[in-house]
């Protein structure tokens, strides 16, 4: 029981970090758009250290939506689930002593 709780907490923290990173990239994109009047989203290729050996198609992907989706999925998959009650099995009277 304790192992499940620790894994759930770590997964939820990781999910929140991904979600905050995605929304901060989205905020950055919105501020750049507001300041310059041009929509220039942050791409994976704009991040440091990602350009070596990565296909050009991957480098053009926008950063914010995958981070937001992965964070939300991690939070949903690692949510606290209510404990299931065990069903009591009723035994029929055997009819032994009457």
Protein backbone atom coordinates (compact mmCIF):
# COMPACT_ATOMS: atom_id res chain seq x y z
CA UNK A 1 0.00 0.00 0.00
CA UNK A 2 2.80 2.42 0.81
CA UNK A 3 4.61 1.62 -2.46
CA UNK A 4 1.56 2.61 -4.46
CA UNK A 5 1.22 5.90 -2.57
CA UNK A 6 4.87 6.83 -3.15
CA UNK A 7 4.64 6.04 -6.87
CA UNK A 8 1.40 8.03 -7.12
CA UNK A 9 2.99 11.08 -5.45
CA UNK A 10 6.08 10.99 -7.67
CA UNK A 11 3.99 10.57 -10.83
CA UNK A 12 1.69 13.45 -9.82
CA UNK A 13 4.66 15.75 -9.10
CA UNK A 14 6.11 14.88 -12.51
CA UNK A 15 2.71 15.57 -14.09
CA UNK A 16 2.45 18.97 -12.41
CA UNK A 17 5.99 19.87 -13.55
CA UNK A 18 5.11 18.97 -17.15
CA UNK A 19 1.85 20.92 -16.93
CA UNK A 20 3.55 24.03 -15.52
CA UNK A 21 6.31 23.81 -18.15
CA UNK A 22 3.71 23.54 -20.93
CA UNK A 23 1.70 26.50 -19.68
CA UNK A 24 4.85 28.59 -19.19
CA UNK A 25 5.88 27.88 -22.80
CA UNK A 26 2.36 28.85 -23.88
CA UNK A 27 2.60 32.06 -21.82
CA UNK A 28 5.97 32.83 -23.41
CA UNK A 29 4.46 32.37 -26.87
CA UNK A 30 1.55 34.64 -25.98
CA UNK A 31 3.85 37.35 -24.64
CA UNK A 32 6.01 37.24 -27.77
CA UNK A 33 2.87 37.52 -29.90
CA UNK A 34 1.62 40.45 -27.82
CA UNK A 35 5.00 42.21 -27.98
CA UNK A 36 5.91 41.69 -31.64
CA UNK A 37 2.53 41.10 -33.24
CA UNK A 38 3.82 37.88 -34.82
CA UNK A 39 3.02 34.33 -33.75
CA UNK A 40 6.37 32.64 -33.19
CA UNK A 41 5.81 29.54 -31.03
CA UNK A 42 8.68 27.96 -29.15
CA UNK A 43 9.78 24.87 -31.07
CA UNK A 44 11.74 21.89 -29.79
CA UNK A 45 14.67 22.93 -31.98
CA UNK A 46 14.86 26.25 -30.11
CA UNK A 47 15.78 24.48 -26.87
CA UNK A 48 19.47 24.09 -26.10
CA UNK A 49 21.15 20.78 -26.86
CA UNK A 50 18.31 19.27 -28.89
CA UNK A 51 19.53 19.90 -32.40
CA UNK A 52 22.29 17.28 -32.56
CA UNK A 53 21.16 14.11 -34.34
CA UNK A 54 17.42 14.84 -34.23
CA UNK A 55 15.41 14.78 -37.49
CA UNK A 56 14.35 18.19 -38.80
CA UNK A 57 10.65 17.29 -38.59
CA UNK A 58 10.89 16.70 -34.84
CA UNK A 59 12.71 20.00 -34.32
CA UNK A 60 9.79 21.93 -35.83
CA UNK A 61 7.19 20.66 -33.31
CA UNK A 62 5.67 23.19 -30.96
CA UNK A 63 6.68 22.58 -27.33
CA UNK A 64 3.59 23.64 -25.35
CA UNK A 65 0.82 21.19 -26.44
CA UNK A 66 2.79 17.96 -25.90
CA UNK A 67 3.91 19.11 -22.44
CA UNK A 68 0.38 20.09 -21.44
CA UNK A 69 -1.10 16.82 -22.72
CA UNK A 70 1.58 14.64 -21.09
CA UNK A 71 1.18 16.47 -17.78
CA UNK A 72 -2.60 16.10 -17.85
CA UNK A 73 -2.36 12.41 -18.75
CA UNK A 74 0.11 11.80 -15.90
CA UNK A 75 -2.22 13.54 -13.44
CA UNK A 76 -5.23 11.55 -14.60
CA UNK A 77 -3.44 8.20 -14.57
CA UNK A 78 -1.90 8.79 -11.14
CA UNK A 79 -4.98 10.10 -9.36
CA UNK A 80 -6.11 8.75 -6.03
CA UNK A 81 -8.64 6.02 -6.48
CA UNK A 82 -11.20 5.13 -3.84
CA UNK A 83 -10.67 1.82 -2.15
CA UNK A 84 -12.94 -0.91 -3.40
CA UNK A 85 -15.04 -2.63 -0.82
CA UNK A 86 -14.82 -6.34 -0.83
CA UNK A 87 -18.07 -8.05 -1.40
CA UNK A 88 -19.18 -10.21 1.45
CA UNK A 89 -20.12 -13.68 0.46
CA UNK A 90 -23.23 -14.82 2.29
CA UNK A 91 -23.46 -18.44 3.00
CA UNK A 92 -26.74 -20.17 2.85
CA UNK A 93 -27.81 -21.99 5.94
CA UNK A 94 -26.80 -25.60 5.65
CA UNK A 95 -29.97 -26.80 7.31
CA UNK A 96 -27.98 -28.97 9.70
CA UNK A 97 -29.73 -28.54 13.07
CA UNK A 98 -33.38 -27.73 12.92
